[in-house]
Amino acid sequence: MSVARVTEIIASSPKSFEDAVEEGIDRANKTLKNVKGAWVEGMKVECGGDGKIKAYRVTLKVTFVLDD
């Protein structure tokens, strides 16, 4: 039997929401072992003073299996 844990991370990208998700998963894999999946809990954009999108941000719930 395995036991999993869920942790929340926030990632951003100047390109797109998809790129922010990829950045978040890449970073999670550097710190966490046995990452099995994630879901996007929220998305938002950060705008600059000119009203244009400066960054795309996602809140991810990352699931990973704990070692025995």
PDB file of N, CA and C in Angstrom:
ATOM      1  N   MET A   1       0.846  -1.177   0.000  1.00  0.00           N
ATOM      2  CA  MET A   1       0.000   0.000   0.000  1.00  0.00           C
ATOM      3  C   MET A   1       0.892   1.240   0.000  1.00  0.00           C
ATOM      4  N   SER A   2       0.526   2.234  -0.777  1.00  0.00           N
ATOM      5  CA  SER A   2       1.304   3.472  -0.791  1.00  0.00           C
ATOM      6  C   SER A   2       0.484   4.609  -0.213  1.00  0.00           C
ATOM      7  N   VAL A   3       1.196   5.610   0.258  1.00  0.00           N
ATOM      8  CA  VAL A   3       0.568   6.793   0.826  1.00  0.00           C
ATOM      9  C   VAL A   3       1.054   7.996   0.025  1.00  0.00           C
ATOM     10  N   ALA A   4       0.112   8.834  -0.351  1.00  0.00           N
ATOM     11  CA  ALA A   4       0.454  10.024  -1.141  1.00  0.00           C
ATOM     12  C   ALA A   4       0.209  11.277  -0.314  1.00  0.00           C
ATOM     13  N   ARG A   5       0.861  12.334  -0.743  1.00  0.00           N
ATOM     14  CA  ARG A   5       0.692  13.627  -0.092  1.00  0.00           C
ATOM     15  C   ARG A   5       0.453  14.662  -1.188  1.00  0.00           C
ATOM     16  N   VAL A   6      -0.248  15.724  -0.840  1.00  0.00           N
ATOM     17  CA  VAL A   6      -0.511  16.809  -1.781  1.00  0.00           C
ATOM     18  C   VAL A   6       0.092  18.079  -1.209  1.00  0.00           C
ATOM     19  N   THR A   7       0.807  18.804  -2.053  1.00  0.00           N
ATOM     20  CA  THR A   7       1.368  20.085  -1.638  1.00  0.00           C
ATOM     21  C   THR A   7       0.982  21.145  -2.668  1.00  0.00           C
ATOM     22  N   GLU A   8       0.869  22.365  -2.217  1.00  0.00           N
ATOM     23  CA  GLU A   8       0.479  23.462  -3.101  1.00  0.00           C
ATOM     24  C   GLU A   8       1.697  24.281  -3.494  1.00  0.00           C
ATOM     25  N   ILE A   9       1.800  24.580  -4.774  1.00  0.00           N
ATOM     26  CA  ILE A   9       2.871  25.464  -5.240  1.00  0.00           C
ATOM     27  C   ILE A   9       2.271  26.508  -6.177  1.00  0.00           C
ATOM     28  N   ILE A  10       2.948  27.624  -6.292  1.00  0.00           N
ATOM     29  CA  ILE A  10       2.551  28.682  -7.214  1.00  0.00           C
ATOM     30  C   ILE A  10       3.715  28.887  -8.178  1.00  0.00           C
ATOM     31  N   ALA A  11       3.409  28.912  -9.463  1.00  0.00           N
ATOM     32  CA  ALA A  11       4.442  29.093 -10.481  1.00  0.00           C
ATOM     33  C   ALA A  11       4.000  30.186 -11.442  1.00  0.00           C
ATOM     34  N   SER A  12       4.978  30.836 -12.056  1.00  0.00           N
ATOM     35  CA  SER A  12       4.633  31.894 -13.007  1.00  0.00           C
ATOM     36  C   SER A  12       5.518  31.814 -14.243  1.00  0.00           C
ATOM     37  N   SER A  13       5.024  32.452 -15.299  1.00  0.00           N
ATOM     38  CA  SER A  13       5.746  32.511 -16.565  1.00  0.00           C
ATOM     39  C   SER A  13       5.348  33.787 -17.289  1.00  0.00           C
ATOM     40  N   PRO A  14       6.275  34.389 -18.007  1.00  0.00           N
ATOM     41  CA  PRO A  14       5.910  35.554 -18.817  1.00  0.00           C
ATOM     42  C   PRO A  14       5.244  35.155 -20.140  1.00  0.00           C
ATOM     43  N   LYS A  15       5.239  33.842 -20.468  1.00  0.00           N
ATOM     44  CA  LYS A  15       4.746  33.369 -21.760  1.00  0.00           C
ATOM     45  C   LYS A  15       3.273  32.973 -21.775  1.00  0.00           C
ATOM     46  N   SER A  16       2.891  32.005 -20.874  1.00  0.00           N
ATOM     47  CA  SER A  16       1.534  31.459 -20.929  1.00  0.00           C
ATOM     48  C   SER A  16       1.222  30.669 -19.666  1.00  0.00           C
ATOM     49  N   PHE A  17      -0.070  30.339 -19.499  1.00  0.00           N
ATOM     50  CA  PHE A  17      -0.466  29.484 -18.378  1.00  0.00           C
ATOM     51  C   PHE A  17       0.162  28.104 -18.520  1.00  0.00           C
ATOM     52  N   GLU A  18       0.173  27.572 -19.735  1.00  0.00           N
ATOM     53  CA  GLU A  18       0.761  26.250 -19.964  1.00  0.00           C
ATOM     54  C   GLU A  18       2.230  26.231 -19.566  1.00  0.00           C
ATOM     55  N   ASP A  19       2.954  27.264 -19.920  1.00  0.00           N
ATOM     56  CA  ASP A  19       4.371  27.346 -19.563  1.00  0.00           C
ATOM     57  C   ASP A  19       4.541  27.451 -18.048  1.00  0.00           C
ATOM     58  N   ALA A  20       3.634  28.168 -17.384  1.00  0.00           N
ATOM     59  CA  ALA A  20       3.701  28.275 -15.921  1.00  0.00           C
ATOM     60  C   ALA A  20       3.489  26.903 -15.273  1.00  0.00           C
ATOM     61  N   VAL A  21       2.573  26.113 -15.814  1.00  0.00           N
ATOM     62  CA  VAL A  21       2.342  24.755 -15.288  1.00  0.00           C
ATOM     63  C   VAL A  21       3.600  23.910 -15.486  1.00  0.00           C
ATOM     64  N   GLU A  22       4.194  23.977 -16.653  1.00  0.00           N
ATOM     65  CA  GLU A  22       5.414  23.209 -16.919  1.00  0.00           C
ATOM     66  C   GLU A  22       6.545  23.635 -15.991  1.00  0.00           C
ATOM     67  N   GLU A  23       6.698  24.928 -15.770  1.00  0.00           N
ATOM     68  CA  GLU A  23       7.723  25.430 -14.846  1.00  0.00           C
ATOM     69  C   GLU A  23       7.481  24.892 -13.434  1.00  0.00           C
ATOM     70  N   GLY A  24       6.222  24.907 -13.002  1.00  0.00           N
ATOM     71  CA  GLY A  24       5.887  24.414 -11.666  1.00  0.00           C
ATOM     72  C   GLY A  24       6.186  22.938 -11.495  1.00  0.00           C
ATOM     73  N   ILE A  25       5.831  22.134 -12.492  1.00  0.00           N
ATOM     74  CA  ILE A  25       6.076  20.684 -12.419  1.00  0.00           C
ATOM     75  C   ILE A  25       7.575  20.399 -12.471  1.00  0.00           C
ATOM     76  N   ASP A  26       8.287  21.108 -13.337  1.00  0.00           N
ATOM     77  CA  ASP A  26       9.745  20.922 -13.401  1.00  0.00           C
ATOM     78  C   ASP A  26      10.386  21.223 -12.049  1.00  0.00           C
ATOM     79  N   ARG A  27       9.963  22.300 -11.439  1.00  0.00           N
ATOM     80  CA  ARG A  27      10.539  22.688 -10.138  1.00  0.00           C
ATOM     81  C   ARG A  27      10.150  21.692  -9.049  1.00  0.00           C
ATOM     82  N   ALA A  28       8.907  21.226  -9.049  1.00  0.00           N
ATOM     83  CA  ALA A  28       8.465  20.245  -8.059  1.00  0.00           C
ATOM     84  C   ALA A  28       9.296  18.977  -8.148  1.00  0.00           C
ATOM     85  N   ASN A  29       9.610  18.546  -9.364  1.00  0.00           N
ATOM     86  CA  ASN A  29      10.410  17.328  -9.547  1.00  0.00           C
ATOM     87  C   ASN A  29      11.838  17.473  -9.046  1.00  0.00           C
ATOM     88  N   LYS A  30      12.342  18.700  -8.927  1.00  0.00           N
ATOM     89  CA  LYS A  30      13.687  18.907  -8.390  1.00  0.00           C
ATOM     90  C   LYS A  30      13.718  18.749  -6.876  1.00  0.00           C
ATOM     91  N   THR A  31      12.604  18.966  -6.220  1.00  0.00           N
ATOM     92  CA  THR A  31      12.537  18.933  -4.763  1.00  0.00           C
ATOM     93  C   THR A  31      11.834  17.691  -4.222  1.00  0.00           C
ATOM     94  N   LEU A  32      10.789  17.264  -4.891  1.00  0.00           N
ATOM     95  CA  LEU A  32       9.964  16.157  -4.413  1.00  0.00           C
ATOM     96  C   LEU A  32      10.281  14.880  -5.179  1.00  0.00           C
ATOM     97  N   LYS A  33      10.203  13.739  -4.485  1.00  0.00           N
ATOM     98  CA  LYS A  33      10.365  12.442  -5.137  1.00  0.00           C
ATOM     99  C   LYS A  33       8.991  11.882  -5.460  1.00  0.00           C
ATOM    100  N   ASN A  34       8.927  11.082  -6.496  1.00  0.00           N
ATOM    101  CA  ASN A  34       7.721  10.336  -6.846  1.00  0.00           C
ATOM    102  C   ASN A  34       6.512  11.215  -7.160  1.00  0.00           C
ATOM    103  N   VAL A  35       6.727  12.320  -7.885  1.00  0.00           N
ATOM    104  CA  VAL A  35       5.602  13.168  -8.303  1.00  0.00           C
ATOM    105  C   VAL A  35       4.748  12.369  -9.273  1.00  0.00           C
ATOM    106  N   LYS A  36       3.457  12.274  -8.978  1.00  0.00           N
ATOM    107  CA  LYS A  36       2.549  11.461  -9.776  1.00  0.00           C
ATOM    108  C   LYS A  36       1.558  12.274 -10.592  1.00  0.00           C
ATOM    109  N   GLY A  37       1.337  13.521 -10.227  1.00  0.00           N
ATOM    110  CA  GLY A  37       0.385  14.337 -10.974  1.00  0.00           C
ATOM    111  C   GLY A  37       0.134  15.660 -10.279  1.00  0.00           C
ATOM    112  N   ALA A  38      -0.690  16.476 -10.922  1.00  0.00           N
ATOM    113  CA  ALA A  38      -1.031  17.774 -10.355  1.00  0.00           C
ATOM    114  C   ALA A  38      -2.331  18.251 -10.982  1.00  0.00           C
ATOM    115  N   TRP A  39      -3.008  19.145 -10.296  1.00  0.00           N
ATOM    116  CA  TRP A  39      -4.154  19.804 -10.899  1.00  0.00           C
ATOM    117  C   TRP A  39      -4.038  21.298 -10.646  1.00  0.00           C
ATOM    118  N   VAL A  40      -4.579  22.047 -11.584  1.00  0.00           N
ATOM    119  CA  VAL A  40      -4.537  23.501 -11.487  1.00  0.00           C
ATOM    120  C   VAL A  40      -5.723  23.946 -10.643  1.00  0.00           C
ATOM    121  N   GLU A  41      -5.419  24.538  -9.500  1.00  0.00           N
ATOM    122  CA  GLU A  41      -6.479  25.017  -8.618  1.00  0.00           C
ATOM    123  C   GLU A  41      -6.921  26.429  -8.988  1.00  0.00           C
ATOM    124  N   GLY A  42      -5.988  27.220  -9.530  1.00  0.00           N
ATOM    125  CA  GLY A  42      -6.348  28.584  -9.888  1.00  0.00           C
ATOM    126  C   GLY A  42      -5.374  29.171 -10.890  1.00  0.00           C
ATOM    127  N   MET A  43      -5.847  30.193 -11.595  1.00  0.00           N
ATOM    128  CA  MET A  43      -5.012  30.893 -12.566  1.00  0.00           C
ATOM    129  C   MET A  43      -5.286  32.389 -12.421  1.00  0.00           C
ATOM    130  N   LYS A  44      -4.227  33.190 -12.614  1.00  0.00           N
ATOM    131  CA  LYS A  44      -4.415  34.634 -12.632  1.00  0.00           C
ATOM    132  C   LYS A  44      -3.290  35.261 -13.425  1.00  0.00           C
ATOM    133  N   VAL A  45      -3.471  36.501 -13.801  1.00  0.00           N
ATOM    134  CA  VAL A  45      -2.438  37.229 -14.525  1.00  0.00           C
ATOM    135  C   VAL A  45      -2.023  38.445 -13.712  1.00  0.00           C
ATOM    136  N   GLU A  46      -0.775  38.837 -13.902  1.00  0.00           N
ATOM    137  CA  GLU A  46      -0.263  40.059 -13.295  1.00  0.00           C
ATOM    138  C   GLU A  46      -0.073  41.056 -14.434  1.00  0.00           C
ATOM    139  N   CYS A  47      -0.625  42.246 -14.257  1.00  0.00           N
ATOM    140  CA  CYS A  47      -0.529  43.267 -15.290  1.00  0.00           C
ATOM    141  C   CYS A  47       0.466  44.340 -14.886  1.00  0.00           C
ATOM    142  N   GLY A  48       1.131  44.910 -15.883  1.00  0.00           N
ATOM    143  CA  GLY A  48       2.061  45.999 -15.653  1.00  0.00           C
ATOM    144  C   GLY A  48       1.331  47.330 -15.645  1.00  0.00           C
ATOM    145  N   GLY A  49       2.073  48.401 -15.493  1.00  0.00           N
ATOM    146  CA  GLY A  49       1.494  49.736 -15.452  1.00  0.00           C
ATOM    147  C   GLY A  49       0.810  50.132 -16.746  1.00  0.00           C
ATOM    148  N   ASP A  50       1.193  49.482 -17.849  1.00  0.00           N
ATOM    149  CA  ASP A  50       0.586  49.793 -19.144  1.00  0.00           C
ATOM    150  C   ASP A  50      -0.674  48.972 -19.411  1.00  0.00           C
ATOM    151  N   GLY A  51      -1.057  48.127 -18.430  1.00  0.00           N
ATOM    152  CA  GLY A  51      -2.261  47.313 -18.576  1.00  0.00           C
ATOM    153  C   GLY A  51      -2.038  46.024 -19.349  1.00  0.00           C
ATOM    154  N   LYS A  52      -0.831  45.766 -19.799  1.00  0.00           N
ATOM    155  CA  LYS A  52      -0.540  44.530 -20.531  1.00  0.00           C
ATOM    156  C   LYS A  52      -0.135  43.427 -19.552  1.00  0.00           C
ATOM    157  N   ILE A  53      -0.347  42.196 -19.967  1.00  0.00           N
ATOM    158  CA  ILE A  53      -0.013  41.052 -19.113  1.00  0.00           C
ATOM    159  C   ILE A  53       1.495  40.963 -18.934  1.00  0.00           C
ATOM    160  N   LYS A  54       1.891  40.922 -17.676  1.00  0.00           N
ATOM    161  CA  LYS A  54       3.304  40.836 -17.308  1.00  0.00           C
ATOM    162  C   LYS A  54       3.694  39.392 -16.969  1.00  0.00           C
ATOM    163  N   ALA A  55       2.771  38.652 -16.329  1.00  0.00           N
ATOM    164  CA  ALA A  55       3.057  37.269 -15.933  1.00  0.00           C
ATOM    165  C   ALA A  55       1.764  36.473 -15.805  1.00  0.00           C
ATOM    166  N   TYR A  56       1.864  35.202 -16.138  1.00  0.00           N
ATOM    167  CA  TYR A  56       0.770  34.247 -15.966  1.00  0.00           C
ATOM    168  C   TYR A  56       1.110  33.419 -14.731  1.00  0.00           C
ATOM    169  N   ARG A  57       0.160  33.299 -13.808  1.00  0.00           N
ATOM    170  CA  ARG A  57       0.415  32.546 -12.575  1.00  0.00           C
ATOM    171  C   ARG A  57      -0.597  31.427 -12.410  1.00  0.00           C
ATOM    172  N   VAL A  58      -0.106  30.290 -11.921  1.00  0.00           N
ATOM    173  CA  VAL A  58      -0.981  29.155 -11.622  1.00  0.00           C
ATOM    174  C   VAL A  58      -0.716  28.672 -10.202  1.00  0.00           C
ATOM    175  N   THR A  59      -1.771  28.235  -9.567  1.00  0.00           N
ATOM    176  CA  THR A  59      -1.665  27.557  -8.285  1.00  0.00           C
ATOM    177  C   THR A  59      -1.900  26.082  -8.556  1.00  0.00           C
ATOM    178  N   LEU A  60      -0.900  25.266  -8.230  1.00  0.00           N
ATOM    179  CA  LEU A  60      -0.958  23.836  -8.501  1.00  0.00           C
ATOM    180  C   LEU A  60      -1.042  23.038  -7.213  1.00  0.00           C
ATOM    181  N   LYS A  61      -1.812  21.979  -7.233  1.00  0.00           N
ATOM    182  CA  LYS A  61      -1.812  20.978  -6.175  1.00  0.00           C
ATOM    183  C   LYS A  61      -1.054  19.783  -6.737  1.00  0.00           C
ATOM    184  N   VAL A  62       0.116  19.516  -6.176  1.00  0.00           N
ATOM    185  CA  VAL A  62       0.995  18.466  -6.677  1.00  0.00           C
ATOM    186  C   VAL A  62       0.881  17.238  -5.779  1.00  0.00           C
ATOM    187  N   THR A  63       0.656  16.075  -6.389  1.00  0.00           N
ATOM    188  CA  THR A  63       0.545  14.825  -5.653  1.00  0.00           C
ATOM    189  C   THR A  63       1.830  14.030  -5.817  1.00  0.00           C
ATOM    190  N   PHE A  64       2.366  13.552  -4.691  1.00  0.00           N
ATOM    191  CA  PHE A  64       3.548  12.702  -4.748  1.00  0.00           C
ATOM    192  C   PHE A  64       3.403  11.592  -3.719  1.00  0.00           C
ATOM    193  N   VAL A  65       4.030  10.439  -4.024  1.00  0.00           N
ATOM    194  CA  VAL A  65       3.945   9.252  -3.166  1.00  0.00           C
ATOM    195  C   VAL A  65       5.099   9.282  -2.183  1.00  0.00           C
ATOM    196  N   LEU A  66       4.801   9.058  -0.918  1.00  0.00           N
ATOM    197  CA  LEU A  66       5.813   9.048   0.130  1.00  0.00           C
ATOM    198  C   LEU A  66       6.591   7.742   0.107  1.00  0.00           C
ATOM    199  N   ASP A  67       7.881   7.822   0.396  1.00  0.00           N
ATOM    200  CA  ASP A  67       8.721   6.619   0.496  1.00  0.00           C
ATOM    201  C   ASP A  67       8.281   5.772   1.674  1.00  0.00           C
ATOM    202  N   ASP A  68       8.522   4.480   1.542  1.00  0.00           N
ATOM    203  CA  ASP A  68       8.209   3.564   2.670  1.00  0.00           C
ATOM    204  C   ASP A  68       9.196   3.735   3.793  1.00  0.00           C
TER     205      ASP A  68
END
